[in-house]
Amino acid sequence: MSISRRNFLKGATAVGGLMCCGLSGLKAAKAETPSTVYYSPNCSPAALISLYEKISRNISGKVAIKVHTGEPHGPNIIPRDWVKEFMQVVPNSRIVECNVLYSSPRQTTEGHRKTLEINGWTAFTDVDIMDEFGDVDLPIAGGKQLHSVAVGKHLLDYDSMVVLTHFKGHVMGGFGGSLKNISIGCASGAKGKEQLHREGDKLWSGGERFMERMVEGGKAITDHFGDKIVYINVLRNMSTSCDCAGTSAEPVTLPDLGVLASTDILAIDQASVDMIYALPDDVKAPMVERIESRAGLRQLTYMQELGMGNAQYNLVTI
C-alpha cells in the first residue's frame, strides 16, 4: 500500500503542529516527484532484510554498515542478533564506527574495542574503527559554515554505505536519524567531531547553527558515496536520549513504530519525524519537546536547502 506524505499528514489528527513549528519552509519548496520511503510496521530482522531488498540496487563492492554500536551495556541499540542476520544479505560488508569526542571509553580505540566486546559485537564481526589510524578531509559543497570535515581515514576503503540507524531523541540534535548517524558518526573523534560541535570558542554549541554544521557534515558523506548509499531507520526503543547516553538514557516512553528504508536521506528522516508527530499528544509530548527545544527540525529544512533530498515522499508499506 502506498500513501503520500500529504495524505499521511491529513490522516493524522495531531500533525497540525508539525507544519507550524519549523517545517513551513518545506511547503514552499519547488514541486518535485515524491521520493519513496518503504515501511514495515514490524520491528524485526526480517523487516530489515525485506526493506533493504527494495533499496539495495546500487550497493556493491566493499560495503560499510554504519550503525551505532553503543556505550557499555547500552539498553536501546539495535539488537546485535538483528544486525548479524542482516549482514548475511549484504555481501562483503563490515560494521564501521569512529571514536567519540565526549567523555567515554570510546574516546580511544583501545576503550572502543573493549566496549564492542562488552556489547557483544566481536562475537560475530570485526568492527572497523575508521579513525584508528587518523582522518582525511572530505569537501562540503555549498556549506556556509564548513567547507570540509575530517572523517575516519578508512571511510575511503569502502565503495558503498548502508546507514542502519536507531532513530531516537538526542540531547543536542533534538533527534538522531540517518543524518546524525553519518555526520557525527563518521566524523573523526580527534578532529571532525570538534569541527561539528565547535562554534568559535564554544564547544558543544547547539541550536540552529549546530544543526547546519551537522547537515553539512552529512552532505560530505552523501556526496562522497553518491548513489551508493542507502538508509534504514529503526523506530524502536525510542528514548529522548541518544544511545551515546548508554545506561543513563531517559526511559523509553514511545511505542515501537516499525522500520523505514529509502535511498533519500531527507525523505526517511522526514517520514520518521512525521510518524512521531502523528502520535497522540500525550504520547509524543516528551519527544516533540526535545526536538523543538533544540531546533532539531532545522536538520530537515537545511537538508532541503542543500539539495540533499526531498521532504515529500510516498510511504509504501511492505
C-alpha atoms as a PDB file:
ATOM      1  CA  MET A   1       0.000   0.000   0.000  1.00  0.00           C
ATOM      2  CA  SER A   2       1.306   3.447  -0.929  1.00  0.00           C
ATOM      3  CA  ILE A   3       0.317   6.693   0.792  1.00  0.00           C
ATOM      4  CA  SER A   4       1.641  10.177   0.054  1.00  0.00           C
ATOM      5  CA  ARG A   5       3.071  12.383   2.787  1.00  0.00           C
ATOM      6  CA  ARG A   6       0.196  14.814   2.210  1.00  0.00           C
ATOM      7  CA  ASN A   7      -2.418  12.118   2.855  1.00  0.00           C
ATOM      8  CA  PHE A   8      -0.423  10.679   5.733  1.00  0.00           C
ATOM      9  CA  LEU A   9      -0.457  14.082   7.434  1.00  0.00           C
ATOM     10  CA  LYS A  10      -4.138  14.659   6.642  1.00  0.00           C
ATOM     11  CA  GLY A  11      -4.970  11.342   8.259  1.00  0.00           C
ATOM     12  CA  ALA A  12      -3.053  12.070  11.449  1.00  0.00           C
ATOM     13  CA  THR A  13      -5.188  14.089  13.848  1.00  0.00           C
ATOM     14  CA  ALA A  14      -2.253  15.572  15.758  1.00  0.00           C
ATOM     15  CA  VAL A  15       0.054  16.530  12.940  1.00  0.00           C
ATOM     16  CA  GLY A  16      -1.148  20.108  12.555  1.00  0.00           C
ATOM     17  CA  GLY A  17       1.614  21.258  14.885  1.00  0.00           C
ATOM     18  CA  LEU A  18       4.248  19.813  12.608  1.00  0.00           C
ATOM     19  CA  MET A  19       3.547  22.298   9.876  1.00  0.00           C
ATOM     20  CA  CYS A  20       3.810  25.347  12.140  1.00  0.00           C
ATOM     21  CA  CYS A  21       6.929  24.554  14.132  1.00  0.00           C
ATOM     22  CA  GLY A  22       9.753  24.823  11.663  1.00  0.00           C
ATOM     23  CA  LEU A  23       8.612  22.947   8.566  1.00  0.00           C
ATOM     24  CA  SER A  24       6.766  25.794   6.862  1.00  0.00           C
ATOM     25  CA  GLY A  25       9.812  26.379   4.667  1.00  0.00           C
ATOM     26  CA  LEU A  26       9.358  22.943   3.171  1.00  0.00           C
ATOM     27  CA  LYS A  27       5.833  23.720   1.994  1.00  0.00           C
ATOM     28  CA  ALA A  28       7.078  26.480  -0.274  1.00  0.00           C
ATOM     29  CA  ALA A  29       9.683  24.290  -1.955  1.00  0.00           C
ATOM     30  CA  LYS A  30       9.521  23.664  -5.676  1.00  0.00           C
ATOM     31  CA  ALA A  31       7.286  20.747  -6.559  1.00  0.00           C
ATOM     32  CA  GLU A  32       9.231  17.543  -7.130  1.00  0.00           C
ATOM     33  CA  THR A  33       8.374  13.928  -7.767  1.00  0.00           C
ATOM     34  CA  PRO A  34       7.994  12.482  -4.250  1.00  0.00           C
ATOM     35  CA  SER A  35      10.675  10.112  -3.044  1.00  0.00           C
ATOM     36  CA  THR A  36       9.765   6.606  -1.967  1.00  0.00           C
ATOM     37  CA  VAL A  37      10.042   5.545   1.660  1.00  0.00           C
ATOM     38  CA  TYR A  38       9.353   1.877   2.331  1.00  0.00           C
ATOM     39  CA  TYR A  39       7.758   0.972   5.648  1.00  0.00           C
ATOM     40  CA  SER A  40       7.181  -2.121   7.712  1.00  0.00           C
ATOM     41  CA  PRO A  41       5.225  -1.895  10.985  1.00  0.00           C
ATOM     42  CA  ASN A  42       7.208  -4.902  12.209  1.00  0.00           C
ATOM     43  CA  CYS A  43      10.381  -4.426  14.205  1.00  0.00           C
ATOM     44  CA  SER A  44      12.430  -7.472  13.270  1.00  0.00           C
ATOM     45  CA  PRO A  45      15.472  -8.607  11.292  1.00  0.00           C
ATOM     46  CA  ALA A  46      13.076  -9.910   8.641  1.00  0.00           C
ATOM     47  CA  ALA A  47      11.753  -6.364   8.208  1.00  0.00           C
ATOM     48  CA  LEU A  48      15.292  -5.007   7.848  1.00  0.00           C
ATOM     49  CA  ILE A  49      16.042  -7.542   5.137  1.00  0.00           C
ATOM     50  CA  SER A  50      12.784  -7.146   3.195  1.00  0.00           C
ATOM     51  CA  LEU A  51      13.093  -3.358   3.133  1.00  0.00           C
ATOM     52  CA  TYR A  52      16.786  -3.431   2.251  1.00  0.00           C
ATOM     53  CA  GLU A  53      15.990  -5.537  -0.792  1.00  0.00           C
ATOM     54  CA  LYS A  54      13.829  -2.657  -2.062  1.00  0.00           C
ATOM     55  CA  ILE A  55      16.646  -0.099  -1.954  1.00  0.00           C
ATOM     56  CA  SER A  56      19.868  -2.052  -2.472  1.00  0.00           C
ATOM     57  CA  ARG A  57      20.192  -2.000  -6.265  1.00  0.00           C
ATOM     58  CA  ASN A  58      23.280   0.233  -6.315  1.00  0.00           C
ATOM     59  CA  ILE A  59      25.035  -1.246  -3.281  1.00  0.00           C
ATOM     60  CA  SER A  60      28.128  -3.155  -4.403  1.00  0.00           C
ATOM     61  CA  GLY A  61      31.802  -3.659  -3.755  1.00  0.00           C
ATOM     62  CA  LYS A  62      33.105  -3.266  -0.219  1.00  0.00           C
ATOM     63  CA  VAL A  63      30.174  -2.145   1.927  1.00  0.00           C
ATOM     64  CA  ALA A  64      30.328  -0.107   5.143  1.00  0.00           C
ATOM     65  CA  ILE A  65      27.400  -0.614   7.513  1.00  0.00           C
ATOM     66  CA  LYS A  66      27.236   2.471   9.728  1.00  0.00           C
ATOM     67  CA  VAL A  67      25.465   1.533  12.947  1.00  0.00           C
ATOM     68  CA  HIS A  68      25.691   2.954  16.481  1.00  0.00           C
ATOM     69  CA  THR A  69      27.227   0.104  18.491  1.00  0.00           C
ATOM     70  CA  GLY A  70      26.525   1.826  21.808  1.00  0.00           C
ATOM     71  CA  GLU A  71      28.091   2.713  25.110  1.00  0.00           C
ATOM     72  CA  PRO A  72      28.873  -0.168  27.522  1.00  0.00           C
ATOM     73  CA  HIS A  73      25.664  -2.148  28.180  1.00  0.00           C
ATOM     74  CA  GLY A  74      23.597   0.397  26.245  1.00  0.00           C
ATOM     75  CA  PRO A  75      19.980  -0.798  26.502  1.00  0.00           C
ATOM     76  CA  ASN A  76      18.327   0.661  23.392  1.00  0.00           C
ATOM     77  CA  ILE A  77      20.661  -0.008  20.453  1.00  0.00           C
ATOM     78  CA  ILE A  78      19.598  -2.151  17.510  1.00  0.00           C
ATOM     79  CA  PRO A  79      19.933  -5.757  18.747  1.00  0.00           C
ATOM     80  CA  ARG A  80      23.166  -7.466  17.765  1.00  0.00           C
ATOM     81  CA  ASP A  81      21.387 -10.592  16.523  1.00  0.00           C
ATOM     82  CA  TRP A  82      19.327  -8.443  14.132  1.00  0.00           C
ATOM     83  CA  VAL A  83      22.467  -6.910  12.682  1.00  0.00           C
ATOM     84  CA  LYS A  84      24.176 -10.294  12.466  1.00  0.00           C
ATOM     85  CA  GLU A  85      21.272 -11.683  10.444  1.00  0.00           C
ATOM     86  CA  PHE A  86      21.078  -8.558   8.306  1.00  0.00           C
ATOM     87  CA  MET A  87      24.765  -8.716   7.405  1.00  0.00           C
ATOM     88  CA  GLN A  88      24.220 -12.141   5.830  1.00  0.00           C
ATOM     89  CA  VAL A  89      22.342 -10.491   2.957  1.00  0.00           C
ATOM     90  CA  VAL A  90      24.926  -7.714   2.459  1.00  0.00           C
ATOM     91  CA  PRO A  91      27.966  -9.386   0.871  1.00  0.00           C
ATOM     92  CA  ASN A  92      31.439  -8.037   1.646  1.00  0.00           C
ATOM     93  CA  SER A  93      30.077  -5.824   4.422  1.00  0.00           C
ATOM     94  CA  ARG A  94      31.598  -4.604   7.672  1.00  0.00           C
ATOM     95  CA  ILE A  95      30.311  -2.511  10.559  1.00  0.00           C
ATOM     96  CA  VAL A  96      32.078   0.843  10.790  1.00  0.00           C
ATOM     97  CA  GLU A  97      32.371   3.314  13.658  1.00  0.00           C
ATOM     98  CA  CYS A  98      34.535   6.246  14.757  1.00  0.00           C
ATOM     99  CA  ASN A  99      35.842   7.245  18.157  1.00  0.00           C
ATOM    100  CA  VAL A 100      33.915   9.879  20.120  1.00  0.00           C
ATOM    101  CA  LEU A 101      34.645  13.362  21.466  1.00  0.00           C
ATOM    102  CA  TYR A 102      32.699  13.272  24.730  1.00  0.00           C
ATOM    103  CA  SER A 103      33.938  11.539  27.888  1.00  0.00           C
ATOM    104  CA  SER A 104      33.560   7.811  27.243  1.00  0.00           C
ATOM    105  CA  PRO A 105      35.584   4.620  26.973  1.00  0.00           C
ATOM    106  CA  ARG A 106      35.022   5.068  23.240  1.00  0.00           C
ATOM    107  CA  GLN A 107      37.249   8.167  23.148  1.00  0.00           C
ATOM    108  CA  THR A 108      40.194   5.864  22.474  1.00  0.00           C
ATOM    109  CA  THR A 109      40.463   2.977  20.054  1.00  0.00           C
ATOM    110  CA  GLU A 110      41.502   0.673  22.900  1.00  0.00           C
ATOM    111  CA  GLY A 111      38.495   1.632  25.005  1.00  0.00           C
ATOM    112  CA  HIS A 112      36.229   1.492  21.981  1.00  0.00           C
ATOM    113  CA  ARG A 113      37.307  -2.060  21.197  1.00  0.00           C
ATOM    114  CA  LYS A 114      36.666  -3.088  24.801  1.00  0.00           C
ATOM    115  CA  THR A 115      33.170  -1.603  24.586  1.00  0.00           C
ATOM    116  CA  LEU A 116      32.497  -3.508  21.368  1.00  0.00           C
ATOM    117  CA  GLU A 117      33.441  -6.696  23.188  1.00  0.00           C
ATOM    118  CA  ILE A 118      31.244  -5.862  26.194  1.00  0.00           C
ATOM    119  CA  ASN A 119      28.272  -5.192  23.929  1.00  0.00           C
ATOM    120  CA  GLY A 120      28.654  -8.456  22.047  1.00  0.00           C
ATOM    121  CA  TRP A 121      29.665  -7.214  18.606  1.00  0.00           C
ATOM    122  CA  THR A 122      33.008  -9.012  18.475  1.00  0.00           C
ATOM    123  CA  ALA A 123      31.234 -12.354  18.895  1.00  0.00           C
ATOM    124  CA  PHE A 124      30.305 -12.303  15.196  1.00  0.00           C
ATOM    125  CA  THR A 125      32.129  -9.464  13.412  1.00  0.00           C
ATOM    126  CA  ASP A 126      35.251  -7.313  13.295  1.00  0.00           C
ATOM    127  CA  VAL A 127      34.211  -3.660  13.589  1.00  0.00           C
ATOM    128  CA  ASP A 128      36.291  -1.152  11.635  1.00  0.00           C
ATOM    129  CA  ILE A 129      37.054   1.901  13.797  1.00  0.00           C
ATOM    130  CA  MET A 130      37.594   4.134  10.802  1.00  0.00           C
ATOM    131  CA  ASP A 131      39.710   6.798  12.537  1.00  0.00           C
ATOM    132  CA  GLU A 132      42.007   4.304  14.278  1.00  0.00           C
ATOM    133  CA  PHE A 133      44.865   5.468  12.054  1.00  0.00           C
ATOM    134  CA  GLY A 134      43.798   9.068  11.540  1.00  0.00           C
ATOM    135  CA  ASP A 135      41.431  11.024   9.349  1.00  0.00           C
ATOM    136  CA  VAL A 136      41.034  12.625   5.945  1.00  0.00           C
ATOM    137  CA  ASP A 137      39.166  15.761   4.881  1.00  0.00           C
ATOM    138  CA  LEU A 138      36.075  15.487   2.714  1.00  0.00           C
ATOM    139  CA  PRO A 139      34.831  18.635   0.921  1.00  0.00           C
ATOM    140  CA  ILE A 140      31.419  20.125   1.699  1.00  0.00           C
ATOM    141  CA  ALA A 141      29.865  21.589  -1.442  1.00  0.00           C
ATOM    142  CA  GLY A 142      27.805  24.676  -0.659  1.00  0.00           C
ATOM    143  CA  GLY A 143      28.499  24.679   3.077  1.00  0.00           C
ATOM    144  CA  LYS A 144      28.066  28.105   4.663  1.00  0.00           C
ATOM    145  CA  GLN A 145      29.767  27.215   7.967  1.00  0.00           C
ATOM    146  CA  LEU A 146      32.185  24.454   6.992  1.00  0.00           C
ATOM    147  CA  HIS A 147      33.983  23.786   3.734  1.00  0.00           C
ATOM    148  CA  SER A 148      35.337  20.380   4.730  1.00  0.00           C
ATOM    149  CA  VAL A 149      35.072  17.863   7.562  1.00  0.00           C
ATOM    150  CA  ALA A 150      37.558  15.315   8.878  1.00  0.00           C
ATOM    151  CA  VAL A 151      36.247  11.752   8.672  1.00  0.00           C
ATOM    152  CA  GLY A 152      37.756   8.445   9.661  1.00  0.00           C
ATOM    153  CA  LYS A 153      40.525   7.611   7.172  1.00  0.00           C
ATOM    154  CA  HIS A 154      39.174   4.124   6.489  1.00  0.00           C
ATOM    155  CA  LEU A 155      35.978   5.595   5.007  1.00  0.00           C
ATOM    156  CA  LEU A 156      37.879   5.788   1.733  1.00  0.00           C
ATOM    157  CA  ASP A 157      38.291   1.985   1.751  1.00  0.00           C
ATOM    158  CA  TYR A 158      34.566   1.435   1.051  1.00  0.00           C
ATOM    159  CA  ASP A 159      32.616   1.523  -2.192  1.00  0.00           C
ATOM    160  CA  SER A 160      29.127   1.725  -0.684  1.00  0.00           C
ATOM    161  CA  MET A 161      27.457   2.500   2.630  1.00  0.00           C
ATOM    162  CA  VAL A 162      24.332   1.185   4.352  1.00  0.00           C
ATOM    163  CA  VAL A 163      23.220   3.614   7.052  1.00  0.00           C
ATOM    164  CA  LEU A 164      21.477   1.471   9.666  1.00  0.00           C
ATOM    165  CA  THR A 165      20.078   3.864  12.246  1.00  0.00           C
ATOM    166  CA  HIS A 166      18.309   3.537  15.558  1.00  0.00           C
ATOM    167  CA  PHE A 167      16.000   6.559  15.400  1.00  0.00           C
ATOM    168  CA  LYS A 168      15.694   8.278  18.806  1.00  0.00           C
ATOM    169  CA  GLY A 169      15.984  11.612  20.584  1.00  0.00           C
ATOM    170  CA  HIS A 170      19.254  13.434  21.109  1.00  0.00           C
ATOM    171  CA  VAL A 171      20.441  15.802  23.825  1.00  0.00           C
ATOM    172  CA  MET A 172      21.834  18.342  21.314  1.00  0.00           C
ATOM    173  CA  GLY A 173      20.319  17.384  17.969  1.00  0.00           C
ATOM    174  CA  GLY A 174      16.739  17.011  19.187  1.00  0.00           C
ATOM    175  CA  PHE A 175      16.516  13.759  17.256  1.00  0.00           C
ATOM    176  CA  GLY A 176      19.059  11.379  15.810  1.00  0.00           C
ATOM    177  CA  GLY A 177      18.197   9.867  12.454  1.00  0.00           C
ATOM    178  CA  SER A 178      20.160   8.880   9.376  1.00  0.00           C
ATOM    179  CA  LEU A 179      21.666  12.356   9.081  1.00  0.00           C
ATOM    180  CA  LYS A 180      23.137  12.310  12.574  1.00  0.00           C
ATOM    181  CA  ASN A 181      24.364   8.746  12.115  1.00  0.00           C
ATOM    182  CA  ILE A 182      26.584   9.604   9.146  1.00  0.00           C
ATOM    183  CA  SER A 183      27.549  13.153  10.087  1.00  0.00           C
ATOM    184  CA  ILE A 184      28.593  12.846  13.724  1.00  0.00           C
ATOM    185  CA  GLY A 185      29.096   9.102  13.334  1.00  0.00           C
ATOM    186  CA  CYS A 186      31.646   9.254  10.503  1.00  0.00           C
ATOM    187  CA  ALA A 187      33.487  12.362  11.736  1.00  0.00           C
ATOM    188  CA  SER A 188      36.784  11.503  13.379  1.00  0.00           C
ATOM    189  CA  GLY A 189      36.953  11.681  17.149  1.00  0.00           C
ATOM    190  CA  ALA A 190      40.148  13.711  17.211  1.00  0.00           C
ATOM    191  CA  LYS A 191      39.158  16.422  14.726  1.00  0.00           C
ATOM    192  CA  GLY A 192      35.905  16.021  12.808  1.00  0.00           C
ATOM    193  CA  LYS A 193      33.536  15.832  15.750  1.00  0.00           C
ATOM    194  CA  GLU A 194      35.050  19.000  17.204  1.00  0.00           C
ATOM    195  CA  GLN A 195      34.605  20.773  13.860  1.00  0.00           C
ATOM    196  CA  LEU A 196      30.897  19.955  14.006  1.00  0.00           C
ATOM    197  CA  HIS A 197      30.413  20.770  17.682  1.00  0.00           C
ATOM    198  CA  ARG A 198      32.540  23.924  17.990  1.00  0.00           C
ATOM    199  CA  GLU A 199      31.314  27.431  17.253  1.00  0.00           C
ATOM    200  CA  GLY A 200      34.069  29.977  17.779  1.00  0.00           C
ATOM    201  CA  ASP A 201      35.481  29.475  21.255  1.00  0.00           C
ATOM    202  CA  LYS A 202      32.496  27.471  22.433  1.00  0.00           C
ATOM    203  CA  LEU A 203      32.461  23.680  22.319  1.00  0.00           C
ATOM    204  CA  TRP A 204      29.133  21.806  22.458  1.00  0.00           C
ATOM    205  CA  SER A 205      27.341  24.773  20.942  1.00  0.00           C
ATOM    206  CA  GLY A 206      23.796  23.777  19.977  1.00  0.00           C
ATOM    207  CA  GLY A 207      20.855  25.391  18.216  1.00  0.00           C
ATOM    208  CA  GLU A 208      20.249  26.045  14.541  1.00  0.00           C
ATOM    209  CA  ARG A 209      23.894  26.655  13.657  1.00  0.00           C
ATOM    210  CA  PHE A 210      24.849  23.289  15.119  1.00  0.00           C
ATOM    211  CA  MET A 211      22.096  21.647  13.056  1.00  0.00           C
ATOM    212  CA  GLU A 212      23.518  23.320   9.975  1.00  0.00           C
ATOM    213  CA  ARG A 213      27.050  22.112  10.709  1.00  0.00           C
ATOM    214  CA  MET A 214      25.683  18.607  11.270  1.00  0.00           C
ATOM    215  CA  VAL A 215      23.857  18.713   7.930  1.00  0.00           C
ATOM    216  CA  GLU A 216      26.987  19.974   6.195  1.00  0.00           C
ATOM    217  CA  GLY A 217      28.968  17.085   7.671  1.00  0.00           C
ATOM    218  CA  GLY A 218      26.325  14.686   6.389  1.00  0.00           C
ATOM    219  CA  LYS A 219      26.460  16.231   2.922  1.00  0.00           C
ATOM    220  CA  ALA A 220      30.170  15.420   2.734  1.00  0.00           C
ATOM    221  CA  ILE A 221      29.277  11.740   3.222  1.00  0.00           C
ATOM    222  CA  THR A 222      26.325  11.653   0.822  1.00  0.00           C
ATOM    223  CA  ASP A 223      28.322  13.431  -1.875  1.00  0.00           C
ATOM    224  CA  HIS A 224      31.231  11.032  -1.389  1.00  0.00           C
ATOM    225  CA  PHE A 225      29.122   7.907  -1.936  1.00  0.00           C
ATOM    226  CA  GLY A 226      26.706   9.379  -4.497  1.00  0.00           C
ATOM    227  CA  ASP A 227      24.037   6.820  -5.411  1.00  0.00           C
ATOM    228  CA  LYS A 228      25.842   4.055  -3.490  1.00  0.00           C
ATOM    229  CA  ILE A 229      24.426   4.940  -0.075  1.00  0.00           C
ATOM    230  CA  VAL A 230      21.056   3.869   1.380  1.00  0.00           C
ATOM    231  CA  TYR A 231      19.234   4.446   4.651  1.00  0.00           C
ATOM    232  CA  ILE A 232      17.268   2.342   7.142  1.00  0.00           C
ATOM    233  CA  ASN A 233      15.695   3.858  10.276  1.00  0.00           C
ATOM    234  CA  VAL A 234      14.543   1.571  13.088  1.00  0.00           C
ATOM    235  CA  LEU A 235      11.834   3.238  15.196  1.00  0.00           C
ATOM    236  CA  ARG A 236      12.104   1.004  18.253  1.00  0.00           C
ATOM    237  CA  ASN A 237      13.053   1.580  21.921  1.00  0.00           C
ATOM    238  CA  MET A 238      12.932   5.327  21.323  1.00  0.00           C
ATOM    239  CA  SER A 239      14.057   7.437  24.260  1.00  0.00           C
ATOM    240  CA  THR A 240      14.504  11.203  24.194  1.00  0.00           C
ATOM    241  CA  SER A 241      18.171  10.356  24.837  1.00  0.00           C
ATOM    242  CA  CYS A 242      20.708   9.218  22.266  1.00  0.00           C
ATOM    243  CA  ASP A 243      22.380   5.825  22.507  1.00  0.00           C
ATOM    244  CA  CYS A 244      25.521   7.751  23.464  1.00  0.00           C
ATOM    245  CA  ALA A 245      23.866   8.169  26.880  1.00  0.00           C
ATOM    246  CA  GLY A 246      24.190   4.433  27.486  1.00  0.00           C
ATOM    247  CA  THR A 247      22.608   3.170  30.696  1.00  0.00           C
ATOM    248  CA  SER A 248      21.805   6.751  31.791  1.00  0.00           C
ATOM    249  CA  ALA A 249      19.365   7.269  28.888  1.00  0.00           C
ATOM    250  CA  GLU A 250      15.915   8.590  29.692  1.00  0.00           C
ATOM    251  CA  PRO A 251      13.219   5.880  29.894  1.00  0.00           C
ATOM    252  CA  VAL A 252      11.582   4.674  26.687  1.00  0.00           C
ATOM    253  CA  THR A 253       8.050   6.076  26.517  1.00  0.00           C
ATOM    254  CA  LEU A 254       7.213   5.949  22.808  1.00  0.00           C
ATOM    255  CA  PRO A 255       5.674   2.882  21.174  1.00  0.00           C
ATOM    256  CA  ASP A 256       7.662   0.874  18.646  1.00  0.00           C
ATOM    257  CA  LEU A 257       6.569   2.133  15.218  1.00  0.00           C
ATOM    258  CA  GLY A 258       8.441  -0.071  12.759  1.00  0.00           C
ATOM    259  CA  VAL A 259      11.210   0.225  10.190  1.00  0.00           C
ATOM    260  CA  LEU A 260      11.670   2.689   7.308  1.00  0.00           C
ATOM    261  CA  ALA A 261      14.023   2.471   4.309  1.00  0.00           C
ATOM    262  CA  SER A 262      14.875   4.810   1.443  1.00  0.00           C
ATOM    263  CA  THR A 263      17.565   5.975  -0.927  1.00  0.00           C
ATOM    264  CA  ASP A 264      16.689   9.566   0.114  1.00  0.00           C
ATOM    265  CA  ILE A 265      18.149  10.748   3.427  1.00  0.00           C
ATOM    266  CA  LEU A 266      15.810  13.718   3.819  1.00  0.00           C
ATOM    267  CA  ALA A 267      12.700  11.706   2.971  1.00  0.00           C
ATOM    268  CA  ILE A 268      13.473   8.979   5.512  1.00  0.00           C
ATOM    269  CA  ASP A 269      14.253  11.385   8.367  1.00  0.00           C
ATOM    270  CA  GLN A 270      11.201  13.485   7.438  1.00  0.00           C
ATOM    271  CA  ALA A 271       8.989  10.389   7.470  1.00  0.00           C
ATOM    272  CA  SER A 272      10.406   9.311  10.842  1.00  0.00           C
ATOM    273  CA  VAL A 273       9.692  12.733  12.359  1.00  0.00           C
ATOM    274  CA  ASP A 274       6.207  12.742  10.805  1.00  0.00           C
ATOM    275  CA  MET A 275       5.464   9.413  12.500  1.00  0.00           C
ATOM    276  CA  ILE A 276       6.438  10.861  15.872  1.00  0.00           C
ATOM    277  CA  TYR A 277       4.279  13.954  15.348  1.00  0.00           C
ATOM    278  CA  ALA A 278       1.316  11.800  14.285  1.00  0.00           C
ATOM    279  CA  LEU A 279       1.184  10.141  17.700  1.00  0.00           C
ATOM    280  CA  PRO A 280      -1.377  11.264  20.322  1.00  0.00           C
ATOM    281  CA  ASP A 281      -0.397  14.464  22.135  1.00  0.00           C
ATOM    282  CA  ASP A 282       0.243  12.841  25.487  1.00  0.00           C
ATOM    283  CA  VAL A 283       2.471  10.182  23.930  1.00  0.00           C
ATOM    284  CA  LYS A 284       4.555  12.362  21.647  1.00  0.00           C
ATOM    285  CA  ALA A 285       4.982  15.330  24.013  1.00  0.00           C
ATOM    286  CA  PRO A 286       8.414  14.485  25.505  1.00  0.00           C
ATOM    287  CA  MET A 287       9.975  13.771  22.107  1.00  0.00           C
ATOM    288  CA  VAL A 288       8.396  16.811  20.463  1.00  0.00           C
ATOM    289  CA  GLU A 289       9.683  18.993  23.299  1.00  0.00           C
ATOM    290  CA  ARG A 290      13.160  17.533  22.879  1.00  0.00           C
ATOM    291  CA  ILE A 291      13.129  18.127  19.106  1.00  0.00           C
ATOM    292  CA  GLU A 292      11.734  21.650  19.197  1.00  0.00           C
ATOM    293  CA  SER A 293      13.703  22.901  22.201  1.00  0.00           C
ATOM    294  CA  ARG A 294      16.917  22.010  20.344  1.00  0.00           C
ATOM    295  CA  ALA A 295      15.804  23.440  16.962  1.00  0.00           C
ATOM    296  CA  GLY A 296      16.033  19.890  15.634  1.00  0.00           C
ATOM    297  CA  LEU A 297      13.685  20.490  12.710  1.00  0.00           C
ATOM    298  CA  ARG A 298      16.406  22.659  11.184  1.00  0.00           C
ATOM    299  CA  GLN A 299      18.080  19.388  10.178  1.00  0.00           C
ATOM    300  CA  LEU A 300      15.232  18.822   7.725  1.00  0.00           C
ATOM    301  CA  THR A 301      14.899  22.306   6.274  1.00  0.00           C
ATOM    302  CA  TYR A 302      18.645  22.720   5.776  1.00  0.00           C
ATOM    303  CA  MET A 303      18.983  19.335   4.094  1.00  0.00           C
ATOM    304  CA  GLN A 304      16.400  20.539   1.598  1.00  0.00           C
ATOM    305  CA  GLU A 305      18.222  23.847   1.107  1.00  0.00           C
ATOM    306  CA  LEU A 306      21.435  21.968   0.321  1.00  0.00           C
ATOM    307  CA  GLY A 307      19.656  19.711  -2.167  1.00  0.00           C
ATOM    308  CA  MET A 308      20.224  16.542  -0.164  1.00  0.00           C
ATOM    309  CA  GLY A 309      16.807  15.061  -0.796  1.00  0.00           C
ATOM    310  CA  ASN A 310      13.069  15.580  -0.933  1.00  0.00           C
ATOM    311  CA  ALA A 311      10.784  16.289   2.019  1.00  0.00           C
ATOM    312  CA  GLN A 312       7.821  14.994   0.023  1.00  0.00           C
ATOM    313  CA  TYR A 313       7.527  11.224  -0.060  1.00  0.00           C
ATOM    314  CA  ASN A 314       5.233   8.316  -0.776  1.00  0.00           C
ATOM    315  CA  LEU A 315       5.109   5.830   2.089  1.00  0.00           C
ATOM    316  CA  VAL A 316       4.948   2.277   0.715  1.00  0.00           C
ATOM    317  CA  THR A 317       4.005  -0.344   3.261  1.00  0.00           C
ATOM    318  CA  ILE A 318       5.678  -3.729   2.845  1.00  0.00           C
END
